[in-house]
């Protein structure tokens, strides 16, 4: 059975209507302010997967150099699968959370044996080191699947916009469906996922959306 997407426990019909207006202004903001990042310029699931794993608990600025060196050393999933572990760990040195590198190679060996990356959320989720968020991000960015990568930042924004006071750390809040579908941005291949986005500079004085904006229309 497919695991439930994380959502908002107190989501009501009115709140779904409020969230329905989000994709248009968010995509407009993204197209104007998106940072120029290498993993946004490809639909190769291998490259997107490597970036997603590196970006876990790590700032974009710190990842950029590692990402380029990693792909130069291991340009394909087959190259990563057959790499000596000591070389892999040396390239990863400094990024921390070394289990990520080990799981990358475990998953690479599975994919190499399969002959291609799985192109569905469920198939990606079955690989070592890939959880709900990462599976959704890869399925959306690489394969155009209608999967929303919903993390804590998304939940914070949605609860604020909908005036929902549920604790986003509460497992019951995370396990209910609702927000994921509204954050999908109509399934466009934009690279617009929480770990992918970023403005050229803070624009706090010019908010993209405001609580209650949908009701004010």
C-alpha atoms as a PDB file:
ATOM      1  CA  UNK A   1       0.000   0.000   0.000  1.00  0.00           C
ATOM      2  CA  UNK A   2       1.243   3.469  -0.865  1.00  0.00           C
ATOM      3  CA  UNK A   3       2.162   5.554   2.194  1.00  0.00           C
ATOM      4  CA  UNK A   4       0.029   8.629   2.769  1.00  0.00           C
ATOM      5  CA  UNK A   5       1.455  11.988   1.807  1.00  0.00           C
ATOM      6  CA  UNK A   6       2.018  14.441   4.601  1.00  0.00           C
ATOM      7  CA  UNK A   7      -0.669  17.057   4.796  1.00  0.00           C
ATOM      8  CA  UNK A   8      -2.596  19.339   7.123  1.00  0.00           C
ATOM      9  CA  UNK A   9      -4.654  17.714   9.843  1.00  0.00           C
ATOM     10  CA  UNK A  10      -7.200  20.524  10.082  1.00  0.00           C
ATOM     11  CA  UNK A  11      -7.621  20.995   6.307  1.00  0.00           C
ATOM     12  CA  UNK A  12     -11.194  22.040   5.530  1.00  0.00           C
ATOM     13  CA  UNK A  13     -12.956  22.735   2.244  1.00  0.00           C
ATOM     14  CA  UNK A  14     -12.481  26.494   2.684  1.00  0.00           C
ATOM     15  CA  UNK A  15      -8.739  25.999   3.246  1.00  0.00           C
ATOM     16  CA  UNK A  16      -8.423  23.891   0.102  1.00  0.00           C
ATOM     17  CA  UNK A  17     -10.000  26.791  -1.798  1.00  0.00           C
ATOM     18  CA  UNK A  18      -7.501  29.181  -0.192  1.00  0.00           C
ATOM     19  CA  UNK A  19      -4.583  26.999  -1.284  1.00  0.00           C
ATOM     20  CA  UNK A  20      -5.899  26.483  -4.801  1.00  0.00           C
ATOM     21  CA  UNK A  21      -4.724  29.962  -5.824  1.00  0.00           C
ATOM     22  CA  UNK A  22      -1.078  29.336  -4.804  1.00  0.00           C
ATOM     23  CA  UNK A  23       0.464  27.763  -7.949  1.00  0.00           C
ATOM     24  CA  UNK A  24       0.013  30.764 -10.255  1.00  0.00           C
ATOM     25  CA  UNK A  25       1.753  33.445  -8.104  1.00  0.00           C
ATOM     26  CA  UNK A  26       4.383  31.009  -6.838  1.00  0.00           C
ATOM     27  CA  UNK A  27       5.346  29.891 -10.330  1.00  0.00           C
ATOM     28  CA  UNK A  28       5.449  33.505 -11.522  1.00  0.00           C
ATOM     29  CA  UNK A  29       7.763  34.363  -8.613  1.00  0.00           C
ATOM     30  CA  UNK A  30       9.918  31.313  -9.293  1.00  0.00           C
ATOM     31  CA  UNK A  31      10.406  32.107 -12.980  1.00  0.00           C
ATOM     32  CA  UNK A  32      11.491  35.645 -12.062  1.00  0.00           C
ATOM     33  CA  UNK A  33      13.692  34.872  -9.048  1.00  0.00           C
ATOM     34  CA  UNK A  34      14.949  31.291  -9.416  1.00  0.00           C
ATOM     35  CA  UNK A  35      18.648  30.793  -8.785  1.00  0.00           C
ATOM     36  CA  UNK A  36      20.793  29.406 -11.578  1.00  0.00           C
ATOM     37  CA  UNK A  37      21.551  25.900 -10.263  1.00  0.00           C
ATOM     38  CA  UNK A  38      23.008  23.043 -12.327  1.00  0.00           C
ATOM     39  CA  UNK A  39      20.485  20.400 -11.281  1.00  0.00           C
ATOM     40  CA  UNK A  40      17.696  22.596 -12.616  1.00  0.00           C
ATOM     41  CA  UNK A  41      19.126  22.345 -16.123  1.00  0.00           C
ATOM     42  CA  UNK A  42      18.626  18.614 -16.473  1.00  0.00           C
ATOM     43  CA  UNK A  43      15.888  16.007 -16.398  1.00  0.00           C
ATOM     44  CA  UNK A  44      18.416  13.218 -15.856  1.00  0.00           C
ATOM     45  CA  UNK A  45      17.131  11.299 -12.815  1.00  0.00           C
ATOM     46  CA  UNK A  46      20.683  10.363 -11.819  1.00  0.00           C
ATOM     47  CA  UNK A  47      21.820  13.989 -11.575  1.00  0.00           C
ATOM     48  CA  UNK A  48      18.644  15.078  -9.824  1.00  0.00           C
ATOM     49  CA  UNK A  49      18.920  12.178  -7.371  1.00  0.00           C
ATOM     50  CA  UNK A  50      22.538  13.017  -6.517  1.00  0.00           C
ATOM     51  CA  UNK A  51      21.614  16.664  -5.921  1.00  0.00           C
ATOM     52  CA  UNK A  52      18.641  15.761  -3.731  1.00  0.00           C
ATOM     53  CA  UNK A  53      20.732  13.480  -1.520  1.00  0.00           C
ATOM     54  CA  UNK A  54      23.540  16.030  -1.214  1.00  0.00           C
ATOM     55  CA  UNK A  55      21.096  18.797  -0.330  1.00  0.00           C
ATOM     56  CA  UNK A  56      19.708  16.915   2.659  1.00  0.00           C
ATOM     57  CA  UNK A  57      20.689  18.882   5.773  1.00  0.00           C
ATOM     58  CA  UNK A  58      23.228  20.813   3.654  1.00  0.00           C
ATOM     59  CA  UNK A  59      23.199  24.342   2.235  1.00  0.00           C
ATOM     60  CA  UNK A  60      23.104  24.867  -1.541  1.00  0.00           C
ATOM     61  CA  UNK A  61      26.340  26.889  -1.498  1.00  0.00           C
ATOM     62  CA  UNK A  62      28.172  24.010   0.161  1.00  0.00           C
ATOM     63  CA  UNK A  63      26.818  21.438  -2.292  1.00  0.00           C
ATOM     64  CA  UNK A  64      27.697  23.132  -5.599  1.00  0.00           C
ATOM     65  CA  UNK A  65      31.377  22.180  -5.677  1.00  0.00           C
ATOM     66  CA  UNK A  66      30.777  18.658  -4.403  1.00  0.00           C
ATOM     67  CA  UNK A  67      28.049  18.113  -6.990  1.00  0.00           C
ATOM     68  CA  UNK A  68      30.317  19.089  -9.898  1.00  0.00           C
ATOM     69  CA  UNK A  69      33.240  16.970  -8.668  1.00  0.00           C
ATOM     70  CA  UNK A  70      30.984  13.994  -7.948  1.00  0.00           C
ATOM     71  CA  UNK A  71      29.479  13.954 -11.434  1.00  0.00           C
ATOM     72  CA  UNK A  72      32.883  14.395 -13.004  1.00  0.00           C
ATOM     73  CA  UNK A  73      34.156  11.339 -11.112  1.00  0.00           C
ATOM     74  CA  UNK A  74      30.953   9.306 -11.475  1.00  0.00           C
ATOM     75  CA  UNK A  75      29.125  10.544 -14.587  1.00  0.00           C
ATOM     76  CA  UNK A  76      26.571   7.728 -14.607  1.00  0.00           C
ATOM     77  CA  UNK A  77      24.764   5.447 -12.224  1.00  0.00           C
ATOM     78  CA  UNK A  78      26.881   2.553 -13.528  1.00  0.00           C
ATOM     79  CA  UNK A  79      30.081   4.432 -12.713  1.00  0.00           C
ATOM     80  CA  UNK A  80      28.855   5.064  -9.169  1.00  0.00           C
ATOM     81  CA  UNK A  81      27.756   1.453  -8.761  1.00  0.00           C
ATOM     82  CA  UNK A  82      31.217   0.126  -9.625  1.00  0.00           C
ATOM     83  CA  UNK A  83      33.257   2.801  -7.792  1.00  0.00           C
ATOM     84  CA  UNK A  84      35.682   1.736  -5.038  1.00  0.00           C
ATOM     85  CA  UNK A  85      34.155   2.686  -1.705  1.00  0.00           C
ATOM     86  CA  UNK A  86      37.264   4.495  -0.508  1.00  0.00           C
ATOM     87  CA  UNK A  87      37.176   6.782  -3.578  1.00  0.00           C
ATOM     88  CA  UNK A  88      33.488   7.478  -3.040  1.00  0.00           C
ATOM     89  CA  UNK A  89      34.007   8.344   0.620  1.00  0.00           C
ATOM     90  CA  UNK A  90      36.961  10.574  -0.227  1.00  0.00           C
ATOM     91  CA  UNK A  91      34.833  12.592  -2.653  1.00  0.00           C
ATOM     92  CA  UNK A  92      32.109  12.858  -0.012  1.00  0.00           C
ATOM     93  CA  UNK A  93      34.533  13.976   2.673  1.00  0.00           C
ATOM     94  CA  UNK A  94      33.365  17.200   4.287  1.00  0.00           C
ATOM     95  CA  UNK A  95      29.664  16.830   3.401  1.00  0.00           C
ATOM     96  CA  UNK A  96      28.970  14.764   6.499  1.00  0.00           C
ATOM     97  CA  UNK A  97      26.179  12.245   7.059  1.00  0.00           C
ATOM     98  CA  UNK A  98      28.278   9.569   5.356  1.00  0.00           C
ATOM     99  CA  UNK A  99      25.447   7.047   5.347  1.00  0.00           C
ATOM    100  CA  UNK A 100      24.029   9.115   2.473  1.00  0.00           C
ATOM    101  CA  UNK A 101      27.012   8.217   0.287  1.00  0.00           C
ATOM    102  CA  UNK A 102      26.788   4.539   1.210  1.00  0.00           C
ATOM    103  CA  UNK A 103      23.075   4.448   0.425  1.00  0.00           C
ATOM    104  CA  UNK A 104      23.736   6.227  -2.874  1.00  0.00           C
ATOM    105  CA  UNK A 105      26.013   3.414  -3.938  1.00  0.00           C
ATOM    106  CA  UNK A 106      23.618   0.711  -2.694  1.00  0.00           C
ATOM    107  CA  UNK A 107      20.811   2.290  -4.706  1.00  0.00           C
ATOM    108  CA  UNK A 108      23.088   2.792  -7.732  1.00  0.00           C
ATOM    109  CA  UNK A 109      23.858  -0.930  -7.802  1.00  0.00           C
ATOM    110  CA  UNK A 110      20.153  -1.752  -7.729  1.00  0.00           C
ATOM    111  CA  UNK A 111      19.378   0.724 -10.530  1.00  0.00           C
ATOM    112  CA  UNK A 112      22.311  -0.491 -12.621  1.00  0.00           C
ATOM    113  CA  UNK A 113      21.032  -4.042 -12.293  1.00  0.00           C
ATOM    114  CA  UNK A 114      17.505  -2.909 -13.231  1.00  0.00           C
ATOM    115  CA  UNK A 115      18.853  -1.146 -16.326  1.00  0.00           C
ATOM    116  CA  UNK A 116      17.024   2.148 -15.669  1.00  0.00           C
ATOM    117  CA  UNK A 117      15.759   4.363 -12.887  1.00  0.00           C
ATOM    118  CA  UNK A 118      12.263   3.610 -11.638  1.00  0.00           C
ATOM    119  CA  UNK A 119      10.038   6.416 -12.896  1.00  0.00           C
ATOM    120  CA  UNK A 120       7.317   6.321 -10.237  1.00  0.00           C
ATOM    121  CA  UNK A 121       7.091   7.529  -6.654  1.00  0.00           C
ATOM    122  CA  UNK A 122       6.622   3.969  -5.420  1.00  0.00           C
ATOM    123  CA  UNK A 123       9.590   2.623  -7.370  1.00  0.00           C
ATOM    124  CA  UNK A 124      11.884   5.414  -6.201  1.00  0.00           C
ATOM    125  CA  UNK A 125      10.740   5.057  -2.603  1.00  0.00           C
ATOM    126  CA  UNK A 126      11.887   1.430  -2.618  1.00  0.00           C
ATOM    127  CA  UNK A 127      15.532   2.440  -3.194  1.00  0.00           C
ATOM    128  CA  UNK A 128      17.920   2.706  -0.208  1.00  0.00           C
ATOM    129  CA  UNK A 129      18.226   6.205   1.226  1.00  0.00           C
ATOM    130  CA  UNK A 130      15.149   7.602  -0.549  1.00  0.00           C
ATOM    131  CA  UNK A 131      12.229   8.754   1.566  1.00  0.00           C
ATOM    132  CA  UNK A 132       8.860  10.319   0.814  1.00  0.00           C
ATOM    133  CA  UNK A 133      10.156  13.805   0.056  1.00  0.00           C
ATOM    134  CA  UNK A 134      13.075  12.697  -2.146  1.00  0.00           C
ATOM    135  CA  UNK A 135      10.965  10.181  -4.069  1.00  0.00           C
ATOM    136  CA  UNK A 136       8.395  12.901  -4.773  1.00  0.00           C
ATOM    137  CA  UNK A 137      11.029  15.431  -5.832  1.00  0.00           C
ATOM    138  CA  UNK A 138      12.732  13.036  -8.274  1.00  0.00           C
ATOM    139  CA  UNK A 139       9.451  11.751  -9.709  1.00  0.00           C
ATOM    140  CA  UNK A 140       8.286  15.318 -10.318  1.00  0.00           C
ATOM    141  CA  UNK A 141      11.512  16.908 -11.584  1.00  0.00           C
ATOM    142  CA  UNK A 142      12.847  14.001 -13.648  1.00  0.00           C
ATOM    143  CA  UNK A 143       9.695  12.294 -14.877  1.00  0.00           C
ATOM    144  CA  UNK A 144       6.997  14.973 -14.751  1.00  0.00           C
ATOM    145  CA  UNK A 145       4.903  12.986 -12.291  1.00  0.00           C
ATOM    146  CA  UNK A 146       2.202  14.825 -10.356  1.00  0.00           C
ATOM    147  CA  UNK A 147       3.963  14.388  -7.039  1.00  0.00           C
ATOM    148  CA  UNK A 148       4.414  17.184  -4.514  1.00  0.00           C
ATOM    149  CA  UNK A 149       7.530  17.266  -2.348  1.00  0.00           C
ATOM    150  CA  UNK A 150       6.090  18.421   0.955  1.00  0.00           C
ATOM    151  CA  UNK A 151       8.544  19.190   3.741  1.00  0.00           C
ATOM    152  CA  UNK A 152       8.430  21.123   6.995  1.00  0.00           C
ATOM    153  CA  UNK A 153       8.812  24.456   5.209  1.00  0.00           C
ATOM    154  CA  UNK A 154       5.779  23.751   3.026  1.00  0.00           C
ATOM    155  CA  UNK A 155       3.748  22.704   6.057  1.00  0.00           C
ATOM    156  CA  UNK A 156       4.709  25.918   7.900  1.00  0.00           C
ATOM    157  CA  UNK A 157       3.579  28.088   4.977  1.00  0.00           C
ATOM    158  CA  UNK A 158       0.332  26.191   4.489  1.00  0.00           C
ATOM    159  CA  UNK A 159      -0.605  26.267   8.179  1.00  0.00           C
ATOM    160  CA  UNK A 160       0.053  30.010   8.261  1.00  0.00           C
ATOM    161  CA  UNK A 161      -1.982  30.709   5.127  1.00  0.00           C
ATOM    162  CA  UNK A 162      -4.903  28.622   6.377  1.00  0.00           C
ATOM    163  CA  UNK A 163      -4.680  29.807   9.995  1.00  0.00           C
ATOM    164  CA  UNK A 164      -4.198  26.192  11.039  1.00  0.00           C
ATOM    165  CA  UNK A 165      -2.694  25.756  14.502  1.00  0.00           C
ATOM    166  CA  UNK A 166      -1.873  22.039  14.382  1.00  0.00           C
ATOM    167  CA  UNK A 167       1.648  21.087  15.397  1.00  0.00           C
ATOM    168  CA  UNK A 168       3.532  20.209  12.179  1.00  0.00           C
ATOM    169  CA  UNK A 169       5.806  17.942  14.225  1.00  0.00           C
ATOM    170  CA  UNK A 170       2.825  15.885  15.323  1.00  0.00           C
ATOM    171  CA  UNK A 171       2.815  12.579  13.350  1.00  0.00           C
ATOM    172  CA  UNK A 172      -0.962  12.918  12.948  1.00  0.00           C
ATOM    173  CA  UNK A 173      -0.496  16.230  11.147  1.00  0.00           C
ATOM    174  CA  UNK A 174       2.201  14.816   8.887  1.00  0.00           C
ATOM    175  CA  UNK A 175       0.243  11.687   8.032  1.00  0.00           C
ATOM    176  CA  UNK A 176      -2.955  13.330   6.794  1.00  0.00           C
ATOM    177  CA  UNK A 177      -3.350  14.030   3.056  1.00  0.00           C
ATOM    178  CA  UNK A 178      -4.369  17.465   1.779  1.00  0.00           C
ATOM    179  CA  UNK A 179      -1.563  19.995   1.362  1.00  0.00           C
ATOM    180  CA  UNK A 180       0.474  17.818  -0.983  1.00  0.00           C
ATOM    181  CA  UNK A 181      -2.056  17.916  -3.793  1.00  0.00           C
ATOM    182  CA  UNK A 182      -2.451  21.695  -3.606  1.00  0.00           C
ATOM    183  CA  UNK A 183       1.315  22.293  -3.709  1.00  0.00           C
ATOM    184  CA  UNK A 184       1.778  20.351  -6.948  1.00  0.00           C
ATOM    185  CA  UNK A 185       1.837  23.391  -9.239  1.00  0.00           C
ATOM    186  CA  UNK A 186      -0.199  21.509 -11.838  1.00  0.00           C
ATOM    187  CA  UNK A 187       2.568  18.981 -12.414  1.00  0.00           C
ATOM    188  CA  UNK A 188       4.754  21.377 -14.413  1.00  0.00           C
ATOM    189  CA  UNK A 189       8.435  20.423 -14.876  1.00  0.00           C
ATOM    190  CA  UNK A 190       9.760  23.558 -13.204  1.00  0.00           C
ATOM    191  CA  UNK A 191      12.251  22.208 -10.707  1.00  0.00           C
ATOM    192  CA  UNK A 192      10.183  24.166  -8.180  1.00  0.00           C
ATOM    193  CA  UNK A 193      10.541  22.012  -5.088  1.00  0.00           C
ATOM    194  CA  UNK A 194      11.564  23.197  -1.625  1.00  0.00           C
ATOM    195  CA  UNK A 195      15.142  21.959  -1.982  1.00  0.00           C
ATOM    196  CA  UNK A 196      15.339  23.313  -5.525  1.00  0.00           C
ATOM    197  CA  UNK A 197      14.094  26.849  -5.109  1.00  0.00           C
ATOM    198  CA  UNK A 198      15.723  30.046  -3.947  1.00  0.00           C
ATOM    199  CA  UNK A 199      15.590  33.734  -4.751  1.00  0.00           C
ATOM    200  CA  UNK A 200      18.512  35.914  -5.737  1.00  0.00           C
ATOM    201  CA  UNK A 201      17.919  37.801  -2.501  1.00  0.00           C
ATOM    202  CA  UNK A 202      15.281  38.089   0.244  1.00  0.00           C
ATOM    203  CA  UNK A 203      12.092  39.862  -0.818  1.00  0.00           C
ATOM    204  CA  UNK A 204      10.327  40.041   2.533  1.00  0.00           C
ATOM    205  CA  UNK A 205       8.924  43.472   1.720  1.00  0.00           C
ATOM    206  CA  UNK A 206       7.275  42.050  -1.409  1.00  0.00           C
ATOM    207  CA  UNK A 207       5.493  38.876  -0.286  1.00  0.00           C
ATOM    208  CA  UNK A 208       4.433  36.558  -3.092  1.00  0.00           C
ATOM    209  CA  UNK A 209       1.249  35.541  -1.263  1.00  0.00           C
ATOM    210  CA  UNK A 210      -0.466  36.799   1.838  1.00  0.00           C
ATOM    211  CA  UNK A 211      -2.765  35.001   4.301  1.00  0.00           C
ATOM    212  CA  UNK A 212      -6.334  35.600   3.205  1.00  0.00           C
ATOM    213  CA  UNK A 213      -5.284  36.806  -0.247  1.00  0.00           C
ATOM    214  CA  UNK A 214      -7.532  34.298  -1.980  1.00  0.00           C
ATOM    215  CA  UNK A 215     -10.572  35.475  -0.029  1.00  0.00           C
ATOM    216  CA  UNK A 216      -9.784  39.095  -0.882  1.00  0.00           C
ATOM    217  CA  UNK A 217     -10.032  38.448  -4.603  1.00  0.00           C
END
